[in-house]
Amino acid sequence: MKKAILKRTLAFFCAAAVFATSVLHPVDTQAATSAKTVTNAYVTYLKKQIASCKYPEDVSYQLYDFNKDGVKELVVASYNGGARATYDVYTYYKKKVVKLVTGESDINYIKGKKYIVGHGSGGVSYNSITLYQIKNGKVKKVETYLKRWNNYTLNGKKISSTRFYNMFKKMNDSLGKSYTIQKSYTTPKKVGFSVLPSSTKKKEIAVKKIANGKIYYYEYKTGEAGLTTWKSKTKTAKITSATKFYYGDTTQVYKGNRNVNEDNRKWVYSISKAQFMDKMATYYGGSDYIQVKNGKVVKVAIHIRIAG
């Protein structure tokens, strides 16, 4: 009997000790996530976004813990610097990458404060400063400072220019080291594309649309000043499970007579059928390539520059 009482007493004190420990030292699963796990999740996410063309090649990013919870946020530059640069901010919450802020001209922080600070700029006529607060994988706007010409407001209420610029001076954009993720490119020649200049080709091929599991395309010839001198009727070729899809960098032009170093520049990459379909939804034309055999599409590429 005494042993039974002793066992129950020990069990009670053990349970009490565990309860006290959990109350005094709660486990923060968010902060307990390793930095390596978070970084790997961000990189994996970005690679998928780059592959689907939602971010450009050579996208740059930074990691910074804005709310000081032990998990760094991801700051992504949608364009690599310059006046057109816009920034998105993500966090890692419950094993998922979650978008918090998008489309800011710059991302900053304020020393001693747990805010993401977004800066919007429209030249001398417009400036905005937005303070975002992160909580449970979500973000909310705390304060919004606006400058429209000589009018200054805070959350819609008029303030002095001094107050606006005092906040402006507090902003710091030193988020630390910048990293880059690059796309995996290859040359047209390696994937079997004809990359001779237009002047040496008898026909050009243009992709018109993709529908009903088929590629609709036509052939044409060009004369002086690139004017079309002949155009075929629309033709079709069936897409199969073996069809290969590619996308090209429209910023580069292949002349057909580059030297060795230039010729090795990588500027074409493989994409999935779903990604190809997504690009075709907003397709506006360009230099195309399509290889057809027995009425089936062997490989197809859009937006590649194969003309000199």
Protein backbone atom coordinates (compact mmCIF):
# COMPACT_ATOMS: atom_id res chain seq x y z
CA MET A 1 0.00 0.00 0.00
CA LYS A 2 2.80 2.38 0.95
CA LYS A 3 4.59 1.59 -2.32
CA ALA A 4 1.44 2.44 -4.30
CA ILE A 5 1.10 5.75 -2.46
CA LEU A 6 4.78 6.48 -3.05
CA LYS A 7 4.41 5.78 -6.80
CA ARG A 8 1.40 8.06 -7.08
CA THR A 9 3.25 10.79 -5.15
CA LEU A 10 6.29 10.56 -7.42
CA ALA A 11 4.08 10.58 -10.51
CA PHE A 12 2.33 13.71 -9.25
CA PHE A 13 5.58 15.58 -8.65
CA CYS A 14 6.99 14.50 -12.04
CA ALA A 15 3.87 15.75 -13.81
CA ALA A 16 4.00 19.00 -11.87
CA ALA A 17 7.64 19.47 -12.79
CA VAL A 18 6.90 18.94 -16.50
CA PHE A 19 3.98 21.38 -16.32
CA ALA A 20 6.07 24.01 -14.56
CA THR A 21 8.85 23.62 -17.09
CA SER A 22 6.46 24.01 -20.02
CA VAL A 23 4.95 27.14 -18.47
CA LEU A 24 8.24 28.77 -17.56
CA HIS A 25 10.01 27.72 -20.76
CA PRO A 26 7.47 27.29 -23.57
CA VAL A 27 8.83 25.80 -26.78
CA ASP A 28 8.78 28.31 -29.62
CA THR A 29 8.54 26.00 -32.63
CA GLN A 30 8.96 28.95 -35.00
CA ALA A 31 12.24 30.08 -33.44
CA ALA A 32 13.38 26.46 -33.02
CA THR A 33 13.43 25.99 -36.78
CA SER A 34 17.04 25.80 -37.91
CA ALA A 35 18.47 28.54 -40.09
CA LYS A 36 19.54 25.90 -42.63
CA THR A 37 15.97 24.56 -42.92
CA VAL A 38 14.60 28.06 -43.48
CA THR A 39 17.24 28.98 -46.05
CA ASN A 40 16.76 25.72 -47.96
CA ALA A 41 13.00 26.31 -48.04
CA TYR A 42 13.51 29.83 -49.40
CA VAL A 43 15.97 28.71 -52.08
CA THR A 44 13.70 25.84 -53.18
CA TYR A 45 10.76 28.23 -53.39
CA LEU A 46 12.71 30.79 -55.41
CA LYS A 47 13.97 28.19 -57.87
CA LYS A 48 10.37 27.15 -58.56
CA GLN A 49 9.35 30.79 -59.03
CA ILE A 50 12.28 31.39 -61.39
CA ALA A 51 11.51 28.23 -63.37
CA SER A 52 7.91 29.39 -63.85
CA CYS A 53 9.18 32.81 -64.99
CA LYS A 54 7.57 34.61 -62.03
CA TYR A 55 11.00 35.96 -61.17
CA PRO A 56 13.72 36.85 -63.70
CA GLU A 57 16.99 35.02 -64.10
CA ASP A 58 19.81 35.86 -61.72
CA VAL A 59 17.35 36.93 -59.02
CA SER A 60 19.01 38.33 -55.88
CA TYR A 61 17.83 37.95 -52.30
CA GLN A 62 18.74 38.80 -48.71
CA LEU A 63 17.86 37.30 -45.32
CA TYR A 64 16.97 39.47 -42.32
CA ASP A 65 15.07 38.84 -39.08
CA PHE A 66 12.73 41.84 -38.92
CA ASN A 67 10.61 40.79 -35.92
CA LYS A 68 13.49 39.21 -33.95
CA ASP A 69 11.78 35.83 -33.50
CA GLY A 70 14.83 33.84 -34.58
CA VAL A 71 13.58 33.18 -38.12
CA LYS A 72 14.96 35.37 -40.89
CA GLU A 73 12.63 36.76 -43.52
CA LEU A 74 13.39 36.55 -47.25
CA VAL A 75 13.75 39.81 -49.20
CA VAL A 76 13.69 39.33 -52.97
CA ALA A 77 14.58 41.88 -55.63
CA SER A 78 12.18 41.40 -58.54
CA TYR A 79 14.68 43.21 -60.75
CA ASN A 80 18.39 43.31 -60.06
CA GLY A 81 18.79 46.88 -58.98
CA GLY A 82 18.21 50.13 -60.80
CA ALA A 83 15.21 52.42 -60.91
CA ARG A 84 12.86 49.58 -61.86
CA ALA A 85 13.74 47.40 -58.88
CA THR A 86 10.85 46.21 -56.73
CA TYR A 87 11.03 44.06 -53.62
CA ASP A 88 8.95 41.28 -52.09
CA VAL A 89 9.23 39.94 -48.54
CA TYR A 90 8.46 36.39 -47.38
CA THR A 91 8.60 34.56 -44.07
CA TYR A 92 8.80 30.88 -43.10
CA TYR A 93 5.81 29.86 -41.00
CA LYS A 94 4.53 26.39 -40.16
CA LYS A 95 6.87 24.78 -42.70
CA LYS A 96 5.66 27.03 -45.53
CA VAL A 97 7.04 30.07 -47.35
CA VAL A 98 4.48 32.85 -46.97
CA LYS A 99 4.44 36.18 -48.83
CA LEU A 100 4.15 39.23 -46.57
CA VAL A 101 4.94 42.33 -48.65
CA THR A 102 5.08 42.91 -52.39
CA GLY A 103 5.98 45.65 -54.84
CA GLU A 104 7.91 48.06 -52.61
CA SER A 105 10.67 50.19 -54.15
CA ASP A 106 12.95 49.33 -51.24
CA ILE A 107 12.88 47.35 -47.98
CA ASN A 108 14.33 48.79 -44.77
CA TYR A 109 14.25 48.38 -41.00
CA ILE A 110 14.37 50.74 -38.02
CA LYS A 111 16.96 50.03 -35.36
CA GLY A 112 15.35 48.77 -32.15
CA LYS A 113 11.94 48.25 -33.77
CA LYS A 114 10.34 45.04 -35.04
CA TYR A 115 8.99 46.36 -38.32
CA ILE A 116 9.41 45.65 -41.98
CA VAL A 117 9.73 49.11 -43.50
CA GLY A 118 8.61 49.43 -47.10
CA HIS A 119 9.65 52.47 -49.09
CA GLY A 120 7.76 53.51 -52.21
CA SER A 121 9.13 56.15 -54.54
CA GLY A 122 7.65 58.02 -57.46
CA GLY A 123 10.27 60.70 -57.88
CA VAL A 124 9.94 64.15 -56.31
CA SER A 125 6.13 64.04 -56.41
CA TYR A 126 5.55 60.91 -54.36
CA ASN A 127 7.14 59.03 -51.45
CA SER A 128 5.72 56.50 -49.04
CA ILE A 129 6.95 54.80 -45.88
CA THR A 130 4.96 51.83 -44.62
CA LEU A 131 5.60 50.06 -41.32
CA TYR A 132 4.53 46.39 -41.38
CA GLN A 133 4.23 44.16 -38.33
CA ILE A 134 4.54 40.35 -38.53
CA LYS A 135 2.40 38.08 -36.37
CA ASN A 136 1.61 34.39 -36.83
CA GLY A 137 2.75 34.27 -40.43
CA LYS A 138 0.73 37.32 -41.42
CA VAL A 139 1.49 40.99 -41.78
CA LYS A 140 -0.47 44.13 -41.04
CA LYS A 141 0.18 47.79 -41.78
CA VAL A 142 0.86 49.76 -38.62
CA GLU A 143 1.71 53.18 -40.02
CA THR A 144 1.72 54.68 -43.51
CA TYR A 145 3.52 57.93 -44.20
CA LEU A 146 2.78 59.63 -47.51
CA LYS A 147 4.33 62.57 -49.33
CA ARG A 148 2.44 63.92 -52.32
CA TRP A 149 4.26 66.99 -53.55
CA ASN A 150 4.25 69.24 -50.47
CA ASN A 151 1.48 67.43 -48.60
CA TYR A 152 2.47 65.02 -45.82
CA THR A 153 0.19 62.55 -44.03
CA LEU A 154 0.36 59.74 -41.45
CA ASN A 155 -2.45 57.18 -41.77
CA GLY A 156 -4.40 59.76 -43.73
CA LYS A 157 -3.95 62.62 -41.23
CA LYS A 158 -1.87 65.67 -42.07
CA ILE A 159 1.57 65.95 -40.47
CA SER A 160 4.55 68.26 -40.85
CA SER A 161 7.32 67.68 -43.35
CA THR A 162 9.73 67.51 -40.40
CA ARG A 163 7.91 64.52 -38.93
CA PHE A 164 7.94 62.77 -42.28
CA TYR A 165 11.65 63.29 -42.87
CA ASN A 166 12.50 62.36 -39.29
CA MET A 167 10.95 58.97 -39.98
CA PHE A 168 12.76 58.85 -43.31
CA LYS A 169 16.10 59.36 -41.54
CA LYS A 170 15.45 56.38 -39.24
CA MET A 171 15.23 53.90 -42.09
CA ASN A 172 18.15 51.56 -42.68
CA ASP A 173 18.49 49.30 -45.72
CA SER A 174 21.64 47.47 -44.62
CA LEU A 175 20.11 43.99 -44.61
CA GLY A 176 23.40 42.14 -44.94
CA LYS A 177 24.86 39.88 -47.61
CA SER A 178 23.09 39.56 -50.95
CA TYR A 179 22.83 36.16 -52.64
CA THR A 180 22.01 35.23 -56.24
CA ILE A 181 20.17 32.30 -57.78
CA GLN A 182 20.86 31.72 -61.45
CA LYS A 183 18.87 29.85 -64.05
CA SER A 184 20.38 26.84 -65.76
CA TYR A 185 20.91 27.96 -69.35
CA THR A 186 22.23 26.18 -72.40
CA THR A 187 22.99 27.19 -75.97
CA PRO A 188 20.45 26.70 -78.80
CA LYS A 189 22.98 24.52 -80.60
CA LYS A 190 23.14 22.03 -77.72
CA VAL A 191 19.38 21.46 -77.76
CA GLY A 192 19.26 21.16 -81.53
CA PHE A 193 17.98 24.58 -82.55
CA SER A 194 18.83 26.10 -85.92
CA VAL A 195 20.56 29.34 -85.02
CA LEU A 196 21.68 30.57 -88.42
CA PRO A 197 20.92 34.22 -89.27
CA SER A 198 17.62 34.97 -91.02
CA SER A 199 19.39 35.89 -94.26
CA THR A 200 20.55 32.29 -94.71
CA LYS A 201 17.24 30.63 -93.87
CA LYS A 202 14.65 29.84 -96.48
CA LYS A 203 11.76 29.96 -94.02
CA GLU A 204 10.90 31.31 -90.60
CA ILE A 205 8.43 29.59 -88.28
CA ALA A 206 6.13 31.35 -85.82
CA VAL A 207 4.04 29.76 -83.07
CA LYS A 208 0.49 31.09 -83.30
CA LYS A 209 -1.21 29.40 -80.36
CA ILE A 210 -1.51 26.17 -78.43
CA ALA A 211 -4.92 24.52 -77.98
CA ASN A 212 -6.55 21.10 -77.92
CA GLY A 213 -3.20 19.45 -77.36
CA LYS A 214 -1.77 20.90 -80.57
CA ILE A 215 0.66 23.59 -81.60
CA TYR A 216 -0.71 25.94 -84.26
CA TYR A 217 2.05 27.54 -86.31
CA TYR A 218 2.82 28.99 -89.72
CA GLU A 219 5.83 29.47 -91.94
CA TYR A 220 6.89 32.72 -93.58
CA LYS A 221 9.65 34.44 -95.50
CA THR A 222 10.98 37.95 -95.06
CA GLY A 223 12.45 40.40 -97.50
CA GLU A 224 14.14 43.77 -97.04
CA ALA A 225 13.55 45.62 -93.78
CA GLY A 226 12.17 42.42 -92.30
CA LEU A 227 8.89 42.66 -94.19
CA THR A 228 6.97 39.41 -94.74
CA THR A 229 6.98 38.38 -98.40
CA TRP A 230 5.21 35.03 -97.99
CA LYS A 231 3.14 33.36 -95.29
CA SER A 232 1.76 29.83 -95.22
CA LYS A 233 -1.62 28.72 -93.98
CA THR A 234 -1.84 27.73 -90.32
CA LYS A 235 -0.48 24.24 -89.67
CA THR A 236 -0.87 21.96 -86.65
CA ALA A 237 1.28 19.41 -84.85
CA LYS A 238 0.29 17.23 -81.92
CA ILE A 239 1.95 17.62 -78.51
CA THR A 240 3.01 14.31 -76.95
CA SER A 241 4.54 13.21 -73.66
CA ALA A 242 7.92 13.29 -75.41
CA THR A 243 7.62 16.91 -76.57
CA LYS A 244 10.34 19.18 -75.17
CA PHE A 245 9.61 22.82 -74.36
CA TYR A 246 12.05 25.73 -74.15
CA TYR A 247 12.07 29.42 -73.38
CA GLY A 248 14.67 31.95 -74.54
CA ASP A 249 16.18 35.15 -73.22
CA THR A 250 14.78 37.96 -75.37
CA THR A 251 17.56 40.38 -74.37
CA GLN A 252 20.23 38.64 -76.43
CA VAL A 253 20.57 38.31 -80.20
CA TYR A 254 22.51 35.53 -81.92
CA LYS A 255 24.32 36.81 -85.02
CA GLY A 256 25.63 33.50 -86.29
CA ASN A 257 29.21 34.77 -86.38
CA ARG A 258 30.12 35.26 -82.74
CA ASN A 259 33.55 34.43 -81.48
CA VAL A 260 34.05 31.42 -79.19
CA ASN A 261 33.44 33.24 -75.91
CA GLU A 262 30.23 34.90 -77.06
CA ASP A 263 29.00 31.71 -78.70
CA ASN A 264 29.23 29.89 -75.37
CA ARG A 265 26.88 32.32 -73.66
CA LYS A 266 24.00 30.39 -72.14
CA TRP A 267 20.64 31.87 -72.99
CA VAL A 268 18.03 29.13 -73.50
CA TYR A 269 16.48 26.95 -70.82
CA SER A 270 14.04 24.05 -70.58
CA ILE A 271 10.54 24.53 -69.14
CA SER A 272 7.61 22.21 -68.46
CA LYS A 273 4.47 21.95 -70.55
CA ALA A 274 2.51 23.78 -67.82
CA GLN A 275 5.04 26.63 -67.83
CA PHE A 276 4.93 26.79 -71.62
CA MET A 277 1.12 26.98 -71.50
CA ASP A 278 1.35 29.78 -68.95
CA LYS A 279 3.68 31.78 -71.19
CA MET A 280 1.45 31.21 -74.20
CA ALA A 281 -1.47 32.76 -72.31
CA THR A 282 0.24 36.15 -72.58
CA TYR A 283 2.32 35.44 -75.66
CA TYR A 284 2.94 38.52 -77.81
CA GLY A 285 5.13 37.02 -80.52
CA GLY A 286 8.85 36.80 -81.03
CA SER A 287 11.40 34.50 -82.59
CA ASP A 288 10.22 30.91 -82.37
CA TYR A 289 11.46 27.45 -83.11
CA ILE A 290 9.44 24.28 -83.68
CA GLN A 291 10.55 20.85 -84.82
CA VAL A 292 7.83 18.56 -86.16
CA LYS A 293 8.09 14.91 -87.16
CA ASN A 294 5.22 12.79 -88.50
CA GLY A 295 2.70 15.37 -87.34
CA LYS A 296 4.08 15.42 -83.77
CA VAL A 297 5.95 18.19 -81.95
CA VAL A 298 9.48 17.05 -81.11
CA LYS A 299 10.55 20.33 -79.51
CA VAL A 300 9.27 23.89 -79.42
CA ALA A 301 10.65 27.18 -78.11
CA ILE A 302 9.25 30.70 -77.83
CA HIS A 303 10.84 34.12 -77.34
CA ILE A 304 14.24 32.94 -78.54
CA ARG A 305 16.43 35.24 -80.65
CA ILE A 306 17.68 33.28 -83.63
CA ALA A 307 17.71 36.09 -86.20
CA GLY A 308 20.71 38.26 -87.02
